[in-house]
Amino acid sequence: MIAPDTQIKIVPRLRFRGFSDEWQEKKLGDISQFAKGKNISKDDISEDGKTEAIRYGELYTRYNEVIDKVHSRTNLDPSTLALSKSNDVIIPASGETSIDIATASCVLKDNIALSGDINIIRTENNGVFLAYYLNNSKKLDIARLAQGNSVVHLYPSSLKSLTLNLPALKEQEKIAKVLTVAGDKISALQNKKELLQKYKKGAMQAIFSQKIRFKDENSKDYPSWQENKLGALATITTGRKDVNAGSPKGKYPFYTCAKDHTYSDYYSFDGEAILIAGNAEVGLCQYYVGKFEAYQRTYVLQNFRILGTYLFRYLSHYFRQYALGLKQTGAMSFIKIGMLNNFNVPVPAKGEQKKIADFLTSLDDKINLTENNLEQAKRFKNSLLQQMFI
């Protein structure tokens, strides 16, 4: 039991070596000056603008806690604008929901035009530290300060009352540096993932349009591609409806027309198969080998007269587009089996089919590895955020 005269020290769970002082409780209004941005409309944004600019809507879509690269520009007279100073922390002044509006970023550049509906917080404290702190530990507290219903507003007078626990400036700088490194790693992995996805999309278009062709083991050209109907290349059946479907006690994967699957108490399919969603995630393809059950409105392709992994690669890209363009809409969006039977598939020689499938699989492996590393980096950063702030 804590003695009545004993005070609990205000310190985080995780600290850097050499820092032991207690964090100090302060009001945001006591350590900051406040200003508002000035109106910059969408029409005022120009690719050849002389002044870099940040519009408040971009804080939700294009920026995180640290802004060191600005995406928009304007030709408005700088003397009529609210210009940033490096280390400024900015928060939207209006938005759709109170939790969305609680979004803080630190601008690391001088003379960036800040649009209307942006709260500008100018402080001698470390702005990056403050942005991470406000964006995480204080997010719910900021959301409670927002006012309004259909459109919520966040006023400087409310922000000034926000209670903070702050370490000395040197410790703020240390925390900010570590979180920035973690954030940079996440950004780099996100960018790598997007580039790989873009490269894969371009590669698929080039391969399936035959602008790029593979050679055989003797560096000879493979024969010309043939075209065939999907119904001639695979047996196409539908999943079934059953009152027991979806029981969590089953042993075999149970596929529905949605992205995720649950489990069934039985199975009615076995072996290599491609499953295609008939509605909901219409046209979405999954490749599976083993025992499984498929629910109604899920089409099951088996008994291939073509390499299954090649067919899956082609369908996962081109049938999805086809289905979205031709789906019939009633109470639910759906595709009919005739759309599958009549779908044209380009068919290269068996050896080229395998090379195409292997190449695209290797790209997917790289994308998945990058995505796993990205999720791991995000978890590490979130762990730091939970332990380094009060």
Protein backbone atom coordinates (compact mmCIF):
# COMPACT_ATOMS: atom_id res chain seq x y z
CA MET A 1 0.00 0.00 0.00
CA ILE A 2 1.31 3.48 -0.93
CA ALA A 3 1.94 5.79 2.02
CA PRO A 4 -0.25 8.94 2.02
CA ASP A 5 2.76 11.26 1.54
CA THR A 6 4.30 9.18 -1.26
CA GLN A 7 3.95 10.56 -4.78
CA ILE A 8 4.01 8.43 -7.89
CA LYS A 9 6.66 9.71 -10.31
CA ILE A 10 5.49 10.67 -13.79
CA VAL A 11 7.77 8.57 -16.02
CA PRO A 12 7.20 6.33 -19.08
CA ARG A 13 7.79 2.58 -19.09
CA LEU A 14 10.63 2.80 -21.62
CA ARG A 15 13.41 5.38 -21.33
CA PHE A 16 16.82 5.96 -22.82
CA ARG A 17 19.92 5.56 -20.68
CA GLY A 18 20.94 8.80 -19.01
CA PHE A 19 17.42 10.17 -18.52
CA SER A 20 15.84 9.83 -15.09
CA ASP A 21 14.12 13.16 -14.38
CA GLU A 22 10.40 13.16 -13.80
CA TRP A 23 8.22 14.38 -16.67
CA GLN A 24 6.44 17.67 -16.02
CA GLU A 25 2.70 18.25 -16.34
CA LYS A 26 1.86 21.31 -18.43
CA LYS A 27 -0.98 22.78 -20.46
CA LEU A 28 -0.51 22.98 -24.23
CA GLY A 29 -1.45 26.65 -24.01
CA ASP A 30 1.42 27.32 -21.58
CA ILE A 31 4.11 26.05 -23.98
CA SER A 32 2.69 27.18 -27.33
CA GLN A 33 1.43 30.04 -29.44
CA PHE A 34 -1.53 29.43 -31.72
CA ALA A 35 -2.46 30.66 -35.18
CA LYS A 36 -4.78 29.66 -38.02
CA GLY A 37 -4.00 28.98 -41.65
CA LYS A 38 -5.40 31.15 -44.45
CA ASN A 39 -7.71 30.00 -47.20
CA ILE A 40 -6.16 28.10 -50.13
CA SER A 41 -8.82 26.58 -52.38
CA LYS A 42 -8.39 23.55 -54.60
CA ASP A 43 -8.32 25.87 -57.61
CA ASP A 44 -5.37 27.74 -56.05
CA ILE A 45 -3.18 24.62 -56.26
CA SER A 46 -0.87 24.54 -59.29
CA GLU A 47 1.86 22.10 -60.31
CA ASP A 48 4.15 25.01 -61.24
CA GLY A 49 3.33 27.03 -58.12
CA LYS A 50 6.19 28.96 -56.56
CA THR A 51 5.15 28.33 -52.95
CA GLU A 52 4.76 24.91 -51.37
CA ALA A 53 1.38 24.48 -49.70
CA ILE A 54 -0.50 22.13 -47.38
CA ARG A 55 -4.29 21.99 -47.52
CA TYR A 56 -6.09 20.70 -44.44
CA GLY A 57 -7.67 17.73 -46.26
CA GLU A 58 -4.20 16.45 -47.10
CA LEU A 59 -3.48 15.95 -43.40
CA TYR A 60 -5.91 13.01 -43.52
CA THR A 61 -4.70 11.48 -46.76
CA ARG A 62 -1.09 12.36 -47.58
CA TYR A 63 0.82 13.07 -44.39
CA ASN A 64 1.84 11.34 -41.17
CA GLU A 65 3.47 12.78 -38.03
CA VAL A 66 6.48 14.22 -39.89
CA ILE A 67 6.17 16.45 -42.98
CA ASP A 68 9.54 16.92 -44.66
CA LYS A 69 8.26 16.71 -48.23
CA VAL A 70 5.30 18.77 -49.47
CA HIS A 71 3.10 17.58 -52.34
CA SER A 72 1.19 20.73 -53.38
CA ARG A 73 2.14 24.22 -54.60
CA THR A 74 0.39 27.54 -55.16
CA ASN A 75 1.01 30.82 -56.98
CA LEU A 76 -0.88 32.91 -54.44
CA ASP A 77 0.95 35.99 -53.12
CA PRO A 78 3.00 34.74 -50.12
CA SER A 79 2.29 37.99 -48.26
CA THR A 80 -1.40 36.96 -48.08
CA LEU A 81 -0.66 33.47 -46.73
CA ALA A 82 0.04 31.88 -43.37
CA LEU A 83 3.58 30.52 -43.71
CA SER A 84 5.13 27.82 -41.58
CA LYS A 85 8.22 27.89 -39.44
CA SER A 86 10.19 24.68 -39.16
CA ASN A 87 9.01 22.75 -36.07
CA ASP A 88 5.38 23.96 -36.34
CA VAL A 89 2.77 21.37 -35.34
CA ILE A 90 -0.44 21.49 -37.36
CA ILE A 91 -3.84 19.95 -36.61
CA PRO A 92 -7.04 20.17 -38.72
CA ALA A 93 -9.54 22.73 -37.46
CA SER A 94 -12.56 20.93 -38.95
CA GLY A 95 -13.49 17.47 -40.13
CA GLU A 96 -16.16 14.80 -40.34
CA THR A 97 -15.54 13.02 -37.02
CA SER A 98 -13.93 13.97 -33.75
CA ILE A 99 -11.43 11.09 -33.88
CA ASP A 100 -10.33 11.94 -37.43
CA ILE A 101 -9.74 15.57 -36.55
CA ALA A 102 -7.28 14.54 -33.82
CA THR A 103 -4.46 14.29 -36.38
CA ALA A 104 -1.18 16.08 -35.67
CA SER A 105 1.81 16.61 -37.98
CA CYS A 106 5.09 18.48 -37.58
CA VAL A 107 6.23 20.64 -40.52
CA LEU A 108 10.02 20.56 -40.86
CA LYS A 109 10.27 23.32 -43.49
CA ASP A 110 10.00 27.10 -43.38
CA ASN A 111 7.62 29.13 -45.55
CA ILE A 112 5.11 26.41 -46.37
CA ALA A 113 1.68 27.94 -47.01
CA LEU A 114 -0.84 26.50 -44.56
CA SER A 115 -4.46 26.60 -45.66
CA GLY A 116 -7.54 27.63 -43.75
CA ASP A 117 -9.02 25.07 -41.35
CA ILE A 118 -5.54 24.30 -40.00
CA ASN A 119 -4.56 25.00 -36.41
CA ILE A 120 -0.90 26.05 -36.15
CA ILE A 121 0.89 25.30 -32.88
CA ARG A 122 4.24 27.06 -32.51
CA THR A 123 6.40 25.92 -29.60
CA GLU A 124 9.98 25.80 -28.28
CA ASN A 125 9.45 22.11 -27.56
CA ASN A 126 10.39 19.48 -30.13
CA GLY A 127 7.62 19.52 -32.75
CA VAL A 128 8.20 15.96 -33.93
CA PHE A 129 7.96 14.66 -30.37
CA LEU A 130 4.81 16.71 -29.84
CA ALA A 131 3.18 15.48 -33.07
CA TYR A 132 3.77 11.83 -32.15
CA TYR A 133 2.57 12.48 -28.60
CA LEU A 134 -0.61 14.27 -29.67
CA ASN A 135 -1.31 11.77 -32.42
CA ASN A 136 -1.13 8.79 -30.10
CA SER A 137 -1.33 9.18 -26.33
CA LYS A 138 -3.48 12.32 -26.58
CA LYS A 139 -5.63 11.42 -29.57
CA LEU A 140 -8.76 10.59 -27.55
CA ASP A 141 -8.28 13.66 -25.33
CA ILE A 142 -8.11 15.88 -28.43
CA ALA A 143 -11.19 14.17 -29.90
CA ARG A 144 -13.13 15.05 -26.74
CA LEU A 145 -12.29 18.72 -27.28
CA ALA A 146 -13.88 18.74 -30.76
CA GLN A 147 -17.28 20.42 -31.09
CA GLY A 148 -20.12 19.91 -33.55
CA ASN A 149 -22.18 17.13 -35.14
CA SER A 150 -22.30 16.84 -38.93
CA VAL A 151 -19.07 18.88 -39.11
CA VAL A 152 -16.81 18.97 -36.05
CA HIS A 153 -14.49 21.85 -35.18
CA LEU A 154 -11.36 22.10 -33.08
CA TYR A 155 -10.63 25.56 -31.72
CA PRO A 156 -7.34 26.92 -30.31
CA SER A 157 -9.18 27.90 -27.12
CA SER A 158 -9.97 24.21 -26.55
CA LEU A 159 -6.51 22.97 -27.50
CA LYS A 160 -4.90 25.33 -25.01
CA SER A 161 -6.55 23.43 -22.14
CA LEU A 162 -5.01 20.07 -23.16
CA THR A 163 -2.89 18.60 -20.35
CA LEU A 164 0.49 17.15 -21.33
CA ASN A 165 3.31 15.29 -19.58
CA LEU A 166 6.61 16.47 -21.03
CA PRO A 167 10.25 15.43 -20.54
CA ALA A 168 13.21 17.78 -20.90
CA LEU A 169 14.01 18.98 -24.42
CA LYS A 170 17.00 16.62 -24.87
CA GLU A 171 14.85 13.60 -24.07
CA GLN A 172 12.15 14.88 -26.45
CA GLU A 173 14.77 15.10 -29.19
CA LYS A 174 16.00 11.56 -28.49
CA ILE A 175 12.47 10.14 -28.63
CA ALA A 176 11.68 12.12 -31.78
CA LYS A 177 14.81 10.81 -33.52
CA VAL A 178 14.03 7.16 -32.76
CA LEU A 179 10.40 7.47 -33.85
CA THR A 180 11.45 9.28 -37.02
CA VAL A 181 13.82 6.44 -37.91
CA ALA A 182 11.01 3.93 -37.31
CA GLY A 183 8.63 6.05 -39.40
CA ASP A 184 11.17 6.35 -42.23
CA LYS A 185 11.57 2.57 -42.32
CA ILE A 186 7.80 2.15 -42.57
CA SER A 187 7.63 4.73 -45.37
CA ALA A 188 10.46 3.01 -47.25
CA LEU A 189 8.80 -0.40 -46.97
CA GLN A 190 5.44 1.04 -48.00
CA ASN A 191 7.06 2.66 -51.02
CA LYS A 192 8.85 -0.59 -51.90
CA LYS A 193 5.59 -2.51 -51.70
CA GLU A 194 3.81 -0.02 -53.95
CA LEU A 195 6.65 -0.10 -56.50
CA LEU A 196 6.62 -3.91 -56.55
CA GLN A 197 2.84 -3.94 -57.03
CA LYS A 198 3.13 -1.40 -59.83
CA TYR A 199 5.92 -3.41 -61.46
CA LYS A 200 3.87 -6.62 -61.20
CA LYS A 201 0.84 -4.96 -62.79
CA GLY A 202 2.98 -3.68 -65.67
CA ALA A 203 4.70 -7.05 -66.07
CA MET A 204 1.37 -8.88 -66.22
CA GLN A 205 0.04 -6.52 -68.87
CA ALA A 206 3.21 -6.94 -70.95
CA ILE A 207 3.25 -10.74 -70.57
CA PHE A 208 -0.42 -11.39 -71.28
CA SER A 209 -0.44 -8.96 -74.23
CA GLN A 210 2.60 -10.95 -75.48
CA LYS A 211 4.83 -7.88 -75.63
CA ILE A 212 7.18 -9.95 -73.46
CA ARG A 213 7.74 -13.62 -74.31
CA PHE A 214 9.74 -16.31 -72.52
CA LYS A 215 12.21 -18.65 -74.27
CA ASP A 216 12.47 -22.42 -73.88
CA GLU A 217 15.48 -24.23 -72.37
CA ASN A 218 17.28 -23.96 -75.72
CA SER A 219 16.63 -20.21 -75.96
CA LYS A 220 14.13 -20.88 -78.73
CA ASP A 221 10.76 -19.17 -79.13
CA TYR A 222 7.76 -21.06 -77.84
CA PRO A 223 4.88 -21.70 -80.28
CA SER A 224 2.25 -19.01 -80.85
CA TRP A 225 -0.44 -18.72 -78.20
CA GLN A 226 -3.89 -20.14 -78.76
CA GLU A 227 -7.14 -18.79 -77.33
CA ASN A 228 -9.82 -20.90 -75.71
CA LYS A 229 -12.99 -20.53 -73.69
CA LEU A 230 -12.62 -20.99 -69.94
CA GLY A 231 -15.39 -23.61 -70.01
CA ALA A 232 -13.20 -25.77 -72.28
CA LEU A 233 -10.16 -25.44 -70.02
CA ALA A 234 -11.70 -26.43 -66.68
CA THR A 235 -14.74 -28.06 -65.11
CA ILE A 236 -16.83 -25.27 -63.56
CA THR A 237 -19.24 -26.05 -60.72
CA THR A 238 -20.84 -24.03 -57.96
CA GLY A 239 -20.63 -24.28 -54.21
CA ARG A 240 -23.69 -25.39 -52.29
CA LYS A 241 -25.99 -24.08 -49.62
CA ASP A 242 -26.27 -26.05 -46.38
CA VAL A 243 -27.66 -25.21 -42.93
CA ASN A 244 -24.44 -26.47 -41.31
CA ALA A 245 -22.18 -24.33 -43.45
CA GLY A 246 -19.80 -22.13 -41.54
CA SER A 247 -19.62 -24.19 -38.36
CA PRO A 248 -16.41 -23.22 -36.52
CA LYS A 249 -15.84 -26.84 -35.46
CA GLY A 250 -15.03 -28.14 -38.93
CA LYS A 251 -11.70 -29.47 -40.16
CA TYR A 252 -11.59 -28.18 -43.72
CA PRO A 253 -11.41 -24.66 -45.17
CA PHE A 254 -14.81 -23.29 -46.10
CA TYR A 255 -14.91 -20.69 -48.86
CA THR A 256 -17.56 -18.08 -49.37
CA CYS A 257 -17.87 -15.29 -51.93
CA ALA A 258 -16.13 -12.94 -49.49
CA LYS A 259 -12.38 -12.44 -49.05
CA ASP A 260 -12.09 -14.37 -45.79
CA HIS A 261 -13.08 -17.95 -45.10
CA THR A 262 -14.47 -19.73 -42.06
CA TYR A 263 -14.81 -23.50 -41.48
CA SER A 264 -17.29 -26.25 -42.23
CA ASP A 265 -18.06 -29.66 -40.68
CA TYR A 266 -17.70 -31.42 -44.02
CA TYR A 267 -16.10 -31.15 -47.43
CA SER A 268 -17.33 -31.81 -50.93
CA PHE A 269 -14.28 -30.83 -53.03
CA ASP A 270 -10.74 -32.16 -53.11
CA GLY A 271 -7.59 -31.36 -55.06
CA GLU A 272 -6.32 -28.39 -57.06
CA ALA A 273 -8.94 -25.70 -57.57
CA ILE A 274 -9.52 -22.05 -58.36
CA LEU A 275 -12.39 -20.45 -56.48
CA ILE A 276 -14.11 -17.37 -57.90
CA ALA A 277 -16.53 -15.18 -55.97
CA GLY A 278 -19.90 -14.95 -57.67
CA ASN A 279 -21.07 -11.90 -55.72
CA ALA A 280 -19.95 -9.61 -52.90
CA GLU A 281 -16.20 -9.63 -53.80
CA VAL A 282 -17.31 -10.40 -57.34
CA GLY A 283 -14.62 -11.95 -59.52
CA LEU A 284 -12.13 -12.39 -56.69
CA CYS A 285 -9.99 -15.50 -57.27
CA GLN A 286 -8.31 -17.87 -54.81
CA TYR A 287 -6.04 -20.81 -55.58
CA TYR A 288 -6.28 -23.85 -53.31
CA VAL A 289 -4.99 -27.42 -53.14
CA GLY A 290 -6.56 -29.90 -50.71
CA LYS A 291 -9.96 -30.69 -49.23
CA PHE A 292 -12.45 -27.84 -48.94
CA GLU A 293 -16.09 -26.84 -49.06
CA ALA A 294 -17.43 -23.95 -51.13
CA TYR A 295 -20.64 -22.11 -50.37
CA GLN A 296 -23.23 -21.06 -52.97
CA ARG A 297 -22.32 -18.15 -55.26
CA THR A 298 -18.72 -19.37 -55.21
CA TYR A 299 -17.60 -20.99 -58.47
CA VAL A 300 -15.16 -23.90 -58.31
CA LEU A 301 -12.81 -24.58 -61.24
CA GLN A 302 -11.15 -28.04 -61.35
CA ASN A 303 -9.90 -30.74 -63.75
CA PHE A 304 -7.72 -28.29 -65.66
CA ARG A 305 -6.68 -28.81 -69.27
CA ILE A 306 -4.12 -26.08 -68.64
CA LEU A 307 -1.58 -25.40 -65.89
CA GLY A 308 -3.67 -24.37 -62.86
CA THR A 309 -1.14 -21.89 -61.50
CA TYR A 310 -0.97 -20.12 -64.88
CA LEU A 311 -4.76 -20.00 -65.18
CA PHE A 312 -5.05 -18.59 -61.67
CA ARG A 313 -2.55 -15.82 -62.48
CA TYR A 314 -4.49 -14.83 -65.58
CA LEU A 315 -7.92 -14.98 -63.94
CA SER A 316 -6.85 -13.16 -60.76
CA HIS A 317 -6.08 -10.10 -62.85
CA TYR A 318 -8.23 -10.18 -65.97
CA PHE A 319 -11.38 -11.99 -64.84
CA ARG A 320 -11.70 -9.65 -61.85
CA GLN A 321 -11.76 -6.68 -64.25
CA TYR A 322 -14.13 -8.51 -66.59
CA ALA A 323 -16.53 -9.43 -63.78
CA LEU A 324 -16.64 -5.92 -62.37
CA GLY A 325 -17.51 -4.60 -65.83
CA LEU A 326 -20.22 -7.15 -66.63
CA LYS A 327 -21.71 -8.07 -63.27
CA GLN A 328 -25.48 -8.04 -63.07
CA THR A 329 -27.04 -6.13 -60.21
CA GLY A 330 -30.26 -6.96 -58.42
CA ALA A 331 -30.60 -7.17 -54.68
CA MET A 332 -26.95 -8.26 -54.80
CA SER A 333 -24.21 -7.95 -57.41
CA PHE A 334 -23.42 -11.29 -59.05
CA ILE A 335 -22.01 -13.08 -62.09
CA LYS A 336 -23.52 -16.06 -63.88
CA ILE A 337 -21.77 -19.27 -64.83
CA GLY A 338 -22.15 -18.37 -68.51
CA MET A 339 -19.80 -15.43 -67.97
CA LEU A 340 -17.19 -17.91 -66.82
CA ASN A 341 -17.79 -20.48 -69.57
CA ASN A 342 -17.50 -17.87 -72.32
CA PHE A 343 -14.50 -16.02 -70.93
CA ASN A 344 -11.56 -16.07 -73.37
CA VAL A 345 -8.19 -17.25 -72.05
CA PRO A 346 -4.89 -17.00 -73.97
CA VAL A 347 -3.08 -20.34 -73.83
CA PRO A 348 0.70 -20.52 -74.38
CA ALA A 349 2.66 -23.77 -74.53
CA LYS A 350 2.90 -25.70 -71.26
CA GLY A 351 6.54 -24.72 -70.71
CA GLU A 352 5.80 -21.03 -71.16
CA GLN A 353 2.77 -21.31 -68.89
CA LYS A 354 5.06 -22.56 -66.11
CA LYS A 355 7.64 -19.83 -66.64
CA ILE A 356 4.95 -17.15 -66.50
CA ALA A 357 3.39 -18.63 -63.35
CA ASP A 358 6.78 -19.03 -61.64
CA PHE A 359 7.83 -15.48 -62.51
CA LEU A 360 4.61 -13.95 -61.16
CA THR A 361 4.77 -16.17 -58.07
CA SER A 362 8.29 -14.90 -57.37
CA LEU A 363 6.98 -11.32 -57.56
CA ASP A 364 4.17 -12.19 -55.15
CA ASP A 365 6.70 -13.71 -52.77
CA LYS A 366 8.67 -10.44 -52.80
CA ILE A 367 5.49 -8.41 -52.25
CA ASN A 368 4.40 -10.68 -49.38
CA LEU A 369 7.85 -10.53 -47.75
CA THR A 370 7.83 -6.73 -47.99
CA GLU A 371 4.31 -6.62 -46.57
CA ASN A 372 5.33 -8.86 -43.65
CA ASN A 373 8.35 -6.64 -42.95
CA LEU A 374 6.08 -3.60 -43.14
CA GLU A 375 3.63 -5.04 -40.61
CA GLN A 376 6.54 -5.98 -38.33
CA ALA A 377 7.91 -2.41 -38.55
CA LYS A 378 4.48 -1.00 -37.73
CA ARG A 379 4.15 -3.28 -34.70
CA PHE A 380 7.60 -2.22 -33.49
CA LYS A 381 6.73 1.46 -33.88
CA ASN A 382 3.41 0.99 -32.08
CA SER A 383 5.21 -0.77 -29.24
CA LEU A 384 7.58 2.22 -28.92
CA LEU A 385 4.65 4.63 -28.91
CA GLN A 386 2.88 2.72 -26.16
CA GLN A 387 5.97 2.59 -23.93
CA MET A 388 7.67 5.95 -24.56
CA PHE A 389 4.77 8.29 -23.77
CA ILE A 390 2.66 8.92 -20.71
